[in-house]
Amino acid sequence: MIKRAVIVIALLAGSALFAGRVSGTEVHVDREPLATLPREIDGWRGREASPLADDVVALLGVDDYIHRVYLSDSGVPVGLYAGYYGSQRQGDTIHSPQNCLPGAGWRPVSP
């Protein structure tokens, strides 16, 4: 009986160590900066929007972001914000638009 308990404890400890090592490893992703996204996309021409304030960028916790306004041939503007997070670790994750956007005063147009 004691042998079985020792084996089970050893297996559990080994599993815990393995899980901790696997979950603690992040993969580095080679990528281009978001600023290299095209300024013209299918007739839409982009220009840089005003940069976000330093305190806003710090609150977002992004490693890279892009903030542009694209105009169609008819002059219709569309704002684009995209953020990149280099880490998805607990506590370093992105904040949910479900909470962020309504908190900033935005309201969904359709469900």
PDB file of N, CA and C in Angstrom:
ATOM      1  N   MET A   1       0.812  -1.195   0.000  1.00  0.00           N
ATOM      2  CA  MET A   1       0.000   0.000   0.000  1.00  0.00           C
ATOM      3  C   MET A   1       0.861   1.266   0.000  1.00  0.00           C
ATOM      4  N   ILE A   2       1.931   1.246   0.798  1.00  0.00           N
ATOM      5  CA  ILE A   2       2.813   2.413   0.879  1.00  0.00           C
ATOM      6  C   ILE A   2       3.529   2.617  -0.458  1.00  0.00           C
ATOM      7  N   LYS A   3       3.900   1.504  -1.134  1.00  0.00           N
ATOM      8  CA  LYS A   3       4.553   1.615  -2.438  1.00  0.00           C
ATOM      9  C   LYS A   3       3.651   2.343  -3.424  1.00  0.00           C
ATOM     10  N   ARG A   4       2.381   1.988  -3.427  1.00  0.00           N
ATOM     11  CA  ARG A   4       1.426   2.625  -4.346  1.00  0.00           C
ATOM     12  C   ARG A   4       1.291   4.117  -4.048  1.00  0.00           C
ATOM     13  N   ALA A   5       1.227   4.464  -2.773  1.00  0.00           N
ATOM     14  CA  ALA A   5       1.109   5.870  -2.388  1.00  0.00           C
ATOM     15  C   ALA A   5       2.345   6.654  -2.837  1.00  0.00           C
ATOM     16  N   VAL A   6       3.532   6.075  -2.656  1.00  0.00           N
ATOM     17  CA  VAL A   6       4.770   6.729  -3.078  1.00  0.00           C
ATOM     18  C   VAL A   6       4.789   6.913  -4.594  1.00  0.00           C
ATOM     19  N   ILE A   7       4.354   5.895  -5.323  1.00  0.00           N
ATOM     20  CA  ILE A   7       4.304   5.987  -6.793  1.00  0.00           C
ATOM     21  C   ILE A   7       3.333   7.083  -7.233  1.00  0.00           C
ATOM     22  N   VAL A   8       2.147   7.121  -6.624  1.00  0.00           N
ATOM     23  CA  VAL A   8       1.152   8.142  -6.972  1.00  0.00           C
ATOM     24  C   VAL A   8       1.688   9.539  -6.656  1.00  0.00           C
ATOM     25  N   ILE A   9       2.306   9.724  -5.514  1.00  0.00           N
ATOM     26  CA  ILE A   9       2.865  11.026  -5.132  1.00  0.00           C
ATOM     27  C   ILE A   9       3.971  11.428  -6.098  1.00  0.00           C
ATOM     28  N   ALA A  10       4.836  10.478  -6.474  1.00  0.00           N
ATOM     29  CA  ALA A  10       5.918  10.767  -7.419  1.00  0.00           C
ATOM     30  C   ALA A  10       5.352  11.167  -8.778  1.00  0.00           C
ATOM     31  N   LEU A  11       4.327  10.463  -9.237  1.00  0.00           N
ATOM     32  CA  LEU A  11       3.697  10.806 -10.519  1.00  0.00           C
ATOM     33  C   LEU A  11       3.042  12.185 -10.465  1.00  0.00           C
ATOM     34  N   LEU A  12       2.356  12.481  -9.378  1.00  0.00           N
ATOM     35  CA  LEU A  12       1.726  13.803  -9.239  1.00  0.00           C
ATOM     36  C   LEU A  12       2.771  14.915  -9.204  1.00  0.00           C
ATOM     37  N   ALA A  13       3.849  14.697  -8.463  1.00  0.00           N
ATOM     38  CA  ALA A  13       4.910  15.707  -8.387  1.00  0.00           C
ATOM     39  C   ALA A  13       5.559  15.905  -9.755  1.00  0.00           C
ATOM     40  N   GLY A  14       5.818  14.800 -10.459  1.00  0.00           N
ATOM     41  CA  GLY A  14       6.393  14.900 -11.800  1.00  0.00           C
ATOM     42  C   GLY A  14       5.468  15.620 -12.770  1.00  0.00           C
ATOM     43  N   SER A  15       4.189  15.322 -12.675  1.00  0.00           N
ATOM     44  CA  SER A  15       3.210  15.998 -13.532  1.00  0.00           C
ATOM     45  C   SER A  15       3.154  17.489 -13.239  1.00  0.00           C
ATOM     46  N   ALA A  16       3.195  17.858 -11.972  1.00  0.00           N
ATOM     47  CA  ALA A  16       3.161  19.269 -11.589  1.00  0.00           C
ATOM     48  C   ALA A  16       4.397  20.004 -12.108  1.00  0.00           C
ATOM     49  N   LEU A  17       5.558  19.385 -11.976  1.00  0.00           N
ATOM     50  CA  LEU A  17       6.788  20.000 -12.487  1.00  0.00           C
ATOM     51  C   LEU A  17       6.733  20.166 -14.004  1.00  0.00           C
ATOM     52  N   PHE A  18       6.261  19.129 -14.704  1.00  0.00           N
ATOM     53  CA  PHE A  18       6.150  19.189 -16.159  1.00  0.00           C
ATOM     54  C   PHE A  18       5.168  20.277 -16.582  1.00  0.00           C
ATOM     55  N   ALA A  19       4.018  20.342 -15.943  1.00  0.00           N
ATOM     56  CA  ALA A  19       3.004  21.347 -16.283  1.00  0.00           C
ATOM     57  C   ALA A  19       3.530  22.761 -16.029  1.00  0.00           C
ATOM     58  N   GLY A  20       4.256  22.943 -14.940  1.00  0.00           N
ATOM     59  CA  GLY A  20       4.830  24.253 -14.642  1.00  0.00           C
ATOM     60  C   GLY A  20       5.868  24.673 -15.655  1.00  0.00           C
ATOM     61  N   ARG A  21       6.664  23.743 -16.108  1.00  0.00           N
ATOM     62  CA  ARG A  21       7.693  24.057 -17.096  1.00  0.00           C
ATOM     63  C   ARG A  21       7.079  24.350 -18.461  1.00  0.00           C
ATOM     64  N   VAL A  22       6.081  23.569 -18.859  1.00  0.00           N
ATOM     65  CA  VAL A  22       5.441  23.762 -20.161  1.00  0.00           C
ATOM     66  C   VAL A  22       4.673  25.073 -20.197  1.00  0.00           C
ATOM     67  N   SER A  23       3.905  25.370 -19.147  1.00  0.00           N
ATOM     68  CA  SER A  23       3.098  26.584 -19.146  1.00  0.00           C
ATOM     69  C   SER A  23       3.944  27.832 -18.946  1.00  0.00           C
ATOM     70  N   GLY A  24       5.148  27.703 -18.449  1.00  0.00           N
ATOM     71  CA  GLY A  24       6.002  28.854 -18.218  1.00  0.00           C
ATOM     72  C   GLY A  24       6.812  29.272 -19.431  1.00  0.00           C
ATOM     73  N   THR A  25       6.743  28.514 -20.504  1.00  0.00           N
ATOM     74  CA  THR A  25       7.532  28.814 -21.691  1.00  0.00           C
ATOM     75  C   THR A  25       6.699  29.561 -22.704  1.00  0.00           C
ATOM     76  N   GLU A  26       7.186  30.716 -23.116  1.00  0.00           N
ATOM     77  CA  GLU A  26       6.506  31.468 -24.170  1.00  0.00           C
ATOM     78  C   GLU A  26       7.320  31.365 -25.449  1.00  0.00           C
ATOM     79  N   VAL A  27       6.625  31.293 -26.540  1.00  0.00           N
ATOM     80  CA  VAL A  27       7.279  31.194 -27.835  1.00  0.00           C
ATOM     81  C   VAL A  27       7.466  32.599 -28.393  1.00  0.00           C
ATOM     82  N   HIS A  28       8.682  32.914 -28.820  1.00  0.00           N
ATOM     83  CA  HIS A  28       8.947  34.203 -29.452  1.00  0.00           C
ATOM     84  C   HIS A  28       8.424  34.162 -30.881  1.00  0.00           C
ATOM     85  N   VAL A  29       7.693  35.183 -31.254  1.00  0.00           N
ATOM     86  CA  VAL A  29       7.109  35.256 -32.591  1.00  0.00           C
ATOM     87  C   VAL A  29       7.824  36.350 -33.373  1.00  0.00           C
ATOM     88  N   ASP A  30       8.438  35.972 -34.496  1.00  0.00           N
ATOM     89  CA  ASP A  30       9.017  36.977 -35.382  1.00  0.00           C
ATOM     90  C   ASP A  30       7.880  37.628 -36.146  1.00  0.00           C
ATOM     91  N   ARG A  31       7.835  38.943 -36.143  1.00  0.00           N
ATOM     92  CA  ARG A  31       6.735  39.648 -36.785  1.00  0.00           C
ATOM     93  C   ARG A  31       7.200  41.005 -37.263  1.00  0.00           C
ATOM     94  N   GLU A  32       6.441  41.562 -38.161  1.00  0.00           N
ATOM     95  CA  GLU A  32       6.682  42.919 -38.635  1.00  0.00           C
ATOM     96  C   GLU A  32       5.966  43.892 -37.704  1.00  0.00           C
ATOM     97  N   PRO A  33       6.481  45.101 -37.541  1.00  0.00           N
ATOM     98  CA  PRO A  33       5.755  46.100 -36.741  1.00  0.00           C
ATOM     99  C   PRO A  33       4.409  46.422 -37.389  1.00  0.00           C
ATOM    100  N   LEU A  34       3.423  46.768 -36.572  1.00  0.00           N
ATOM    101  CA  LEU A  34       2.098  47.088 -37.097  1.00  0.00           C
ATOM    102  C   LEU A  34       2.125  48.304 -38.029  1.00  0.00           C
ATOM    103  N   ALA A  35       3.109  49.172 -37.860  1.00  0.00           N
ATOM    104  CA  ALA A  35       3.223  50.353 -38.719  1.00  0.00           C
ATOM    105  C   ALA A  35       3.473  49.980 -40.177  1.00  0.00           C
ATOM    106  N   THR A  36       3.880  48.742 -40.435  1.00  0.00           N
ATOM    107  CA  THR A  36       4.130  48.325 -41.817  1.00  0.00           C
ATOM    108  C   THR A  36       2.846  47.882 -42.533  1.00  0.00           C
ATOM    109  N   LEU A  37       1.705  47.895 -41.824  1.00  0.00           N
ATOM    110  CA  LEU A  37       0.447  47.574 -42.501  1.00  0.00           C
ATOM    111  C   LEU A  37       0.220  48.574 -43.631  1.00  0.00           C
ATOM    112  N   PRO A  38      -0.365  48.148 -44.747  1.00  0.00           N
ATOM    113  CA  PRO A  38      -0.522  49.038 -45.905  1.00  0.00           C
ATOM    114  C   PRO A  38      -1.357  50.276 -45.580  1.00  0.00           C
ATOM    115  N   ARG A  39      -0.956  51.377 -46.165  1.00  0.00           N
ATOM    116  CA  ARG A  39      -1.717  52.620 -46.011  1.00  0.00           C
ATOM    117  C   ARG A  39      -2.858  52.696 -47.016  1.00  0.00           C
ATOM    118  N   GLU A  40      -2.800  51.874 -48.045  1.00  0.00           N
ATOM    119  CA  GLU A  40      -3.897  51.835 -49.007  1.00  0.00           C
ATOM    120  C   GLU A  40      -4.372  50.393 -49.144  1.00  0.00           C
ATOM    121  N   ILE A  41      -5.687  50.217 -48.939  1.00  0.00           N
ATOM    122  CA  ILE A  41      -6.284  48.883 -48.991  1.00  0.00           C
ATOM    123  C   ILE A  41      -7.554  48.976 -49.831  1.00  0.00           C
ATOM    124  N   ASP A  42      -7.502  48.413 -51.021  1.00  0.00           N
ATOM    125  CA  ASP A  42      -8.677  48.314 -51.876  1.00  0.00           C
ATOM    126  C   ASP A  42      -9.427  49.641 -52.004  1.00  0.00           C
ATOM    127  N   GLY A  43      -8.708  50.702 -52.303  1.00  0.00           N
ATOM    128  CA  GLY A  43      -9.334  52.006 -52.500  1.00  0.00           C
ATOM    129  C   GLY A  43      -9.465  52.839 -51.234  1.00  0.00           C
ATOM    130  N   TRP A  44      -9.172  52.285 -50.104  1.00  0.00           N
ATOM    131  CA  TRP A  44      -9.208  53.029 -48.844  1.00  0.00           C
ATOM    132  C   TRP A  44      -7.797  53.553 -48.561  1.00  0.00           C
ATOM    133  N   ARG A  45      -7.668  54.852 -48.331  1.00  0.00           N
ATOM    134  CA  ARG A  45      -6.373  55.471 -48.065  1.00  0.00           C
ATOM    135  C   ARG A  45      -6.283  55.823 -46.576  1.00  0.00           C
ATOM    136  N   GLY A  46      -5.187  55.400 -45.962  1.00  0.00           N
ATOM    137  CA  GLY A  46      -5.019  55.606 -44.531  1.00  0.00           C
ATOM    138  C   GLY A  46      -4.059  56.716 -44.208  1.00  0.00           C
ATOM    139  N   ARG A  47      -4.304  57.335 -43.083  1.00  0.00           N
ATOM    140  CA  ARG A  47      -3.385  58.326 -42.520  1.00  0.00           C
ATOM    141  C   ARG A  47      -3.334  58.087 -41.023  1.00  0.00           C
ATOM    142  N   GLU A  48      -2.225  58.472 -40.430  1.00  0.00           N
ATOM    143  CA  GLU A  48      -2.069  58.274 -38.994  1.00  0.00           C
ATOM    144  C   GLU A  48      -3.063  59.155 -38.246  1.00  0.00           C
ATOM    145  N   ALA A  49      -3.740  58.567 -37.291  1.00  0.00           N
ATOM    146  CA  ALA A  49      -4.595  59.332 -36.391  1.00  0.00           C
ATOM    147  C   ALA A  49      -3.715  59.891 -35.280  1.00  0.00           C
ATOM    148  N   SER A  50      -4.270  60.738 -34.453  1.00  0.00           N
ATOM    149  CA  SER A  50      -3.470  61.298 -33.367  1.00  0.00           C
ATOM    150  C   SER A  50      -2.987  60.161 -32.465  1.00  0.00           C
ATOM    151  N   PRO A  51      -1.721  60.215 -32.059  1.00  0.00           N
ATOM    152  CA  PRO A  51      -1.194  59.128 -31.214  1.00  0.00           C
ATOM    153  C   PRO A  51      -1.921  59.098 -29.875  1.00  0.00           C
ATOM    154  N   LEU A  52      -2.013  57.910 -29.310  1.00  0.00           N
ATOM    155  CA  LEU A  52      -2.624  57.760 -27.995  1.00  0.00           C
ATOM    156  C   LEU A  52      -1.683  58.337 -26.945  1.00  0.00           C
ATOM    157  N   ALA A  53      -2.261  58.893 -25.919  1.00  0.00           N
ATOM    158  CA  ALA A  53      -1.457  59.467 -24.834  1.00  0.00           C
ATOM    159  C   ALA A  53      -0.642  58.365 -24.155  1.00  0.00           C
ATOM    160  N   ASP A  54       0.502  58.752 -23.611  1.00  0.00           N
ATOM    161  CA  ASP A  54       1.394  57.784 -22.966  1.00  0.00           C
ATOM    162  C   ASP A  54       0.699  57.020 -21.843  1.00  0.00           C
ATOM    163  N   ASP A  55      -0.139  57.704 -21.066  1.00  0.00           N
ATOM    164  CA  ASP A  55      -0.819  57.011 -19.970  1.00  0.00           C
ATOM    165  C   ASP A  55      -1.838  56.005 -20.496  1.00  0.00           C
ATOM    166  N   VAL A  56      -2.440  56.286 -21.661  1.00  0.00           N
ATOM    167  CA  VAL A  56      -3.385  55.349 -22.267  1.00  0.00           C
ATOM    168  C   VAL A  56      -2.641  54.108 -22.761  1.00  0.00           C
ATOM    169  N   VAL A  57      -1.515  54.320 -23.422  1.00  0.00           N
ATOM    170  CA  VAL A  57      -0.705  53.191 -23.913  1.00  0.00           C
ATOM    171  C   VAL A  57      -0.230  52.343 -22.731  1.00  0.00           C
ATOM    172  N   ALA A  58       0.170  52.990 -21.644  1.00  0.00           N
ATOM    173  CA  ALA A  58       0.604  52.253 -20.456  1.00  0.00           C
ATOM    174  C   ALA A  58      -0.551  51.453 -19.860  1.00  0.00           C
ATOM    175  N   LEU A  59      -1.743  52.032 -19.837  1.00  0.00           N
ATOM    176  CA  LEU A  59      -2.909  51.327 -19.308  1.00  0.00           C
ATOM    177  C   LEU A  59      -3.273  50.135 -20.177  1.00  0.00           C
ATOM    178  N   LEU A  60      -3.182  50.304 -21.503  1.00  0.00           N
ATOM    179  CA  LEU A  60      -3.481  49.195 -22.409  1.00  0.00           C
ATOM    180  C   LEU A  60      -2.468  48.072 -22.261  1.00  0.00           C
ATOM    181  N   GLY A  61      -1.217  48.422 -22.015  1.00  0.00           N
ATOM    182  CA  GLY A  61      -0.181  47.405 -21.854  1.00  0.00           C
ATOM    183  C   GLY A  61       0.257  46.778 -23.169  1.00  0.00           C
ATOM    184  N   VAL A  62       0.057  47.473 -24.281  1.00  0.00           N
ATOM    185  CA  VAL A  62       0.417  46.920 -25.591  1.00  0.00           C
ATOM    186  C   VAL A  62       1.918  47.046 -25.820  1.00  0.00           C
ATOM    187  N   ASP A  63       2.449  46.125 -26.613  1.00  0.00           N
ATOM    188  CA  ASP A  63       3.843  46.202 -27.017  1.00  0.00           C
ATOM    189  C   ASP A  63       3.993  46.970 -28.324  1.00  0.00           C
ATOM    190  N   ASP A  64       2.931  47.014 -29.102  1.00  0.00           N
ATOM    191  CA  ASP A  64       2.915  47.734 -30.380  1.00  0.00           C
ATOM    192  C   ASP A  64       1.459  48.037 -30.693  1.00  0.00           C
ATOM    193  N   TYR A  65       1.230  49.170 -31.339  1.00  0.00           N
ATOM    194  CA  TYR A  65      -0.136  49.471 -31.749  1.00  0.00           C
ATOM    195  C   TYR A  65      -0.139  50.338 -32.990  1.00  0.00           C
ATOM    196  N   ILE A  66      -1.283  50.363 -33.649  1.00  0.00           N
ATOM    197  CA  ILE A  66      -1.486  51.227 -34.805  1.00  0.00           C
ATOM    198  C   ILE A  66      -2.809  51.944 -34.601  1.00  0.00           C
ATOM    199  N   HIS A  67      -2.817  53.229 -34.958  1.00  0.00           N
ATOM    200  CA  HIS A  67      -4.017  54.056 -34.813  1.00  0.00           C
ATOM    201  C   HIS A  67      -4.114  54.908 -36.082  1.00  0.00           C
ATOM    202  N   ARG A  68      -5.012  54.501 -36.964  1.00  0.00           N
ATOM    203  CA  ARG A  68      -5.155  55.175 -38.261  1.00  0.00           C
ATOM    204  C   ARG A  68      -6.605  55.483 -38.568  1.00  0.00           C
ATOM    205  N   VAL A  69      -6.780  56.381 -39.538  1.00  0.00           N
ATOM    206  CA  VAL A  69      -8.095  56.657 -40.119  1.00  0.00           C
ATOM    207  C   VAL A  69      -7.964  56.381 -41.610  1.00  0.00           C
ATOM    208  N   TYR A  70      -8.855  55.538 -42.120  1.00  0.00           N
ATOM    209  CA  TYR A  70      -8.883  55.233 -43.543  1.00  0.00           C
ATOM    210  C   TYR A  70     -10.088  55.917 -44.158  1.00  0.00           C
ATOM    211  N   LEU A  71      -9.878  56.490 -45.351  1.00  0.00           N
ATOM    212  CA  LEU A  71     -10.952  57.151 -46.089  1.00  0.00           C
ATOM    213  C   LEU A  71     -11.212  56.406 -47.385  1.00  0.00           C
ATOM    214  N   SER A  72     -12.497  56.211 -47.689  1.00  0.00           N
ATOM    215  CA  SER A  72     -12.868  55.583 -48.956  1.00  0.00           C
ATOM    216  C   SER A  72     -12.832  56.641 -50.050  1.00  0.00           C
ATOM    217  N   ASP A  73     -13.019  56.210 -51.283  1.00  0.00           N
ATOM    218  CA  ASP A  73     -13.054  57.153 -52.401  1.00  0.00           C
ATOM    219  C   ASP A  73     -14.168  58.178 -52.229  1.00  0.00           C
ATOM    220  N   SER A  74     -15.248  57.784 -51.554  1.00  0.00           N
ATOM    221  CA  SER A  74     -16.366  58.705 -51.329  1.00  0.00           C
ATOM    222  C   SER A  74     -16.160  59.582 -50.094  1.00  0.00           C
ATOM    223  N   GLY A  75     -15.058  59.397 -49.389  1.00  0.00           N
ATOM    224  CA  GLY A  75     -14.744  60.221 -48.229  1.00  0.00           C
ATOM    225  C   GLY A  75     -15.259  59.698 -46.908  1.00  0.00           C
ATOM    226  N   VAL A  76     -15.788  58.472 -46.893  1.00  0.00           N
ATOM    227  CA  VAL A  76     -16.279  57.885 -45.646  1.00  0.00           C
ATOM    228  C   VAL A  76     -15.081  57.472 -44.783  1.00  0.00           C
ATOM    229  N   PRO A  77     -15.008  57.978 -43.537  1.00  0.00           N
ATOM    230  CA  PRO A  77     -13.880  57.611 -42.672  1.00  0.00           C
ATOM    231  C   PRO A  77     -14.167  56.364 -41.833  1.00  0.00           C
ATOM    232  N   VAL A  78     -13.120  55.581 -41.617  1.00  0.00           N
ATOM    233  CA  VAL A  78     -13.189  54.423 -40.719  1.00  0.00           C
ATOM    234  C   VAL A  78     -11.935  54.459 -39.853  1.00  0.00           C
ATOM    235  N   GLY A  79     -12.141  54.430 -38.538  1.00  0.00           N
ATOM    236  CA  GLY A  79     -11.016  54.423 -37.614  1.00  0.00           C
ATOM    237  C   GLY A  79     -10.512  53.009 -37.405  1.00  0.00           C
ATOM    238  N   LEU A  80      -9.200  52.861 -37.284  1.00  0.00           N
ATOM    239  CA  LEU A  80      -8.596  51.559 -37.035  1.00  0.00           C
ATOM    240  C   LEU A  80      -7.641  51.678 -35.858  1.00  0.00           C
ATOM    241  N   TYR A  81      -7.871  50.845 -34.858  1.00  0.00           N
ATOM    242  CA  TYR A  81      -6.930  50.672 -33.765  1.00  0.00           C
ATOM    243  C   TYR A  81      -6.662  49.181 -33.675  1.00  0.00           C
ATOM    244  N   ALA A  82      -5.394  48.812 -33.642  1.00  0.00           N
ATOM    245  CA  ALA A  82      -5.023  47.416 -33.434  1.00  0.00           C
ATOM    246  C   ALA A  82      -3.834  47.407 -32.486  1.00  0.00           C
ATOM    247  N   GLY A  83      -3.914  46.559 -31.473  1.00  0.00           N
ATOM    248  CA  GLY A  83      -2.838  46.446 -30.504  1.00  0.00           C
ATOM    249  C   GLY A  83      -2.224  45.060 -30.544  1.00  0.00           C
ATOM    250  N   TYR A  84      -0.927  44.989 -30.276  1.00  0.00           N
ATOM    251  CA  TYR A  84      -0.226  43.709 -30.227  1.00  0.00           C
ATOM    252  C   TYR A  84       0.309  43.510 -28.810  1.00  0.00           C
ATOM    253  N   TYR A  85       0.042  42.329 -28.274  1.00  0.00           N
ATOM    254  CA  TYR A  85       0.512  41.959 -26.947  1.00  0.00           C
ATOM    255  C   TYR A  85       1.503  40.819 -27.106  1.00  0.00           C
ATOM    256  N   GLY A  86       2.750  41.053 -26.752  1.00  0.00           N
ATOM    257  CA  GLY A  86       3.779  40.037 -26.897  1.00  0.00           C
ATOM    258  C   GLY A  86       3.638  38.889 -25.933  1.00  0.00           C
ATOM    259  N   SER A  87       2.906  39.086 -24.842  1.00  0.00           N
ATOM    260  CA  SER A  87       2.739  38.046 -23.847  1.00  0.00           C
ATOM    261  C   SER A  87       1.261  37.822 -23.575  1.00  0.00           C
ATOM    262  N   GLN A  88       0.905  36.565 -23.382  1.00  0.00           N
ATOM    263  CA  GLN A  88      -0.468  36.227 -23.015  1.00  0.00           C
ATOM    264  C   GLN A  88      -0.490  35.559 -21.638  1.00  0.00           C
ATOM    265  N   ARG A  89       0.499  35.870 -20.823  1.00  0.00           N
ATOM    266  CA  ARG A  89       0.565  35.305 -19.469  1.00  0.00           C
ATOM    267  C   ARG A  89      -0.535  35.885 -18.603  1.00  0.00           C
ATOM    268  N   GLN A  90      -0.865  35.157 -17.564  1.00  0.00           N
ATOM    269  CA  GLN A  90      -1.867  35.619 -16.602  1.00  0.00           C
ATOM    270  C   GLN A  90      -1.432  36.964 -16.045  1.00  0.00           C
ATOM    271  N   GLY A  91      -2.325  37.940 -16.075  1.00  0.00           N
ATOM    272  CA  GLY A  91      -2.003  39.273 -15.595  1.00  0.00           C
ATOM    273  C   GLY A  91      -1.438  40.156 -16.682  1.00  0.00           C
ATOM    274  N   ASP A  92      -1.019  39.573 -17.791  1.00  0.00           N
ATOM    275  CA  ASP A  92      -0.491  40.323 -18.922  1.00  0.00           C
ATOM    276  C   ASP A  92      -1.437  40.234 -20.113  1.00  0.00           C
ATOM    277  N   THR A  93      -2.621  39.713 -19.899  1.00  0.00           N
ATOM    278  CA  THR A  93      -3.530  39.476 -21.018  1.00  0.00           C
ATOM    279  C   THR A  93      -4.231  40.754 -21.420  1.00  0.00           C
ATOM    280  N   ILE A  94      -4.784  40.739 -22.627  1.00  0.00           N
ATOM    281  CA  ILE A  94      -5.500  41.902 -23.126  1.00  0.00           C
ATOM    282  C   ILE A  94      -6.766  42.105 -22.318  1.00  0.00           C
ATOM    283  N   HIS A  95      -7.214  43.327 -22.290  1.00  0.00           N
ATOM    284  CA  HIS A  95      -8.473  43.580 -21.600  1.00  0.00           C
ATOM    285  C   HIS A  95      -9.615  43.345 -22.585  1.00  0.00           C
ATOM    286  N   SER A  96     -10.731  42.931 -22.073  1.00  0.00           N
ATOM    287  CA  SER A  96     -11.859  42.548 -22.916  1.00  0.00           C
ATOM    288  C   SER A  96     -12.591  43.763 -23.458  1.00  0.00           C
ATOM    289  N   PRO A  97     -12.841  43.816 -24.787  1.00  0.00           N
ATOM    290  CA  PRO A  97     -13.650  44.900 -25.347  1.00  0.00           C
ATOM    291  C   PRO A  97     -15.062  44.911 -24.769  1.00  0.00           C
ATOM    292  N   GLN A  98     -15.499  43.759 -24.289  1.00  0.00           N
ATOM    293  CA  GLN A  98     -16.831  43.666 -23.693  1.00  0.00           C
ATOM    294  C   GLN A  98     -16.931  44.595 -22.473  1.00  0.00           C
ATOM    295  N   ASN A  99     -15.821  44.807 -21.785  1.00  0.00           N
ATOM    296  CA  ASN A  99     -15.806  45.701 -20.629  1.00  0.00           C
ATOM    297  C   ASN A  99     -15.229  47.072 -20.966  1.00  0.00           C
ATOM    298  N   CYS A 100     -14.218  47.081 -21.807  1.00  0.00           N
ATOM    299  CA  CYS A 100     -13.492  48.310 -22.099  1.00  0.00           C
ATOM    300  C   CYS A 100     -14.330  49.304 -22.900  1.00  0.00           C
ATOM    301  N   LEU A 101     -14.917  48.846 -23.998  1.00  0.00           N
ATOM    302  CA  LEU A 101     -15.635  49.775 -24.879  1.00  0.00           C
ATOM    303  C   LEU A 101     -16.852  50.411 -24.209  1.00  0.00           C
ATOM    304  N   PRO A 102     -17.719  49.632 -23.541  1.00  0.00           N
ATOM    305  CA  PRO A 102     -18.827  50.292 -22.845  1.00  0.00           C
ATOM    306  C   PRO A 102     -18.335  51.221 -21.735  1.00  0.00           C
ATOM    307  N   GLY A 103     -17.241  50.863 -21.097  1.00  0.00           N
ATOM    308  CA  GLY A 103     -16.681  51.708 -20.047  1.00  0.00           C
ATOM    309  C   GLY A 103     -16.191  53.029 -20.579  1.00  0.00           C
ATOM    310  N   ALA A 104     -15.822  53.071 -21.854  1.00  0.00           N
ATOM    311  CA  ALA A 104     -15.357  54.306 -22.480  1.00  0.00           C
ATOM    312  C   ALA A 104     -16.509  55.077 -23.128  1.00  0.00           C
ATOM    313  N   GLY A 105     -17.743  54.578 -22.963  1.00  0.00           N
ATOM    314  CA  GLY A 105     -18.908  55.299 -23.514  1.00  0.00           C
ATOM    315  C   GLY A 105     -19.404  54.783 -24.845  1.00  0.00           C
ATOM    316  N   TRP A 106     -18.757  53.779 -25.409  1.00  0.00           N
ATOM    317  CA  TRP A 106     -19.205  53.213 -26.677  1.00  0.00           C
ATOM    318  C   TRP A 106     -20.408  52.309 -26.430  1.00  0.00           C
ATOM    319  N   ARG A 107     -21.316  52.280 -27.376  1.00  0.00           N
ATOM    320  CA  ARG A 107     -22.489  51.411 -27.272  1.00  0.00           C
ATOM    321  C   ARG A 107     -22.605  50.581 -28.536  1.00  0.00           C
ATOM    322  N   PRO A 108     -22.942  49.283 -28.404  1.00  0.00           N
ATOM    323  CA  PRO A 108     -23.105  48.443 -29.590  1.00  0.00           C
ATOM    324  C   PRO A 108     -24.285  48.923 -30.434  1.00  0.00           C
ATOM    325  N   VAL A 109     -24.107  48.893 -31.759  1.00  0.00           N
ATOM    326  CA  VAL A 109     -25.177  49.278 -32.669  1.00  0.00           C
ATOM    327  C   VAL A 109     -26.129  48.127 -32.876  1.00  0.00           C
ATOM    328  N   SER A 110     -25.577  46.911 -32.938  1.00  0.00           N
ATOM    329  CA  SER A 110     -26.418  45.732 -33.099  1.00  0.00           C
ATOM    330  C   SER A 110     -25.806  44.610 -32.266  1.00  0.00           C
ATOM    331  N   PRO A 111     -26.635  43.655 -31.819  1.00  0.00           N
ATOM    332  CA  PRO A 111     -26.123  42.569 -30.978  1.00  0.00           C
ATOM    333  C   PRO A 111     -25.259  41.588 -31.718  1.00  0.00           C
TER     334      PRO A 111
END
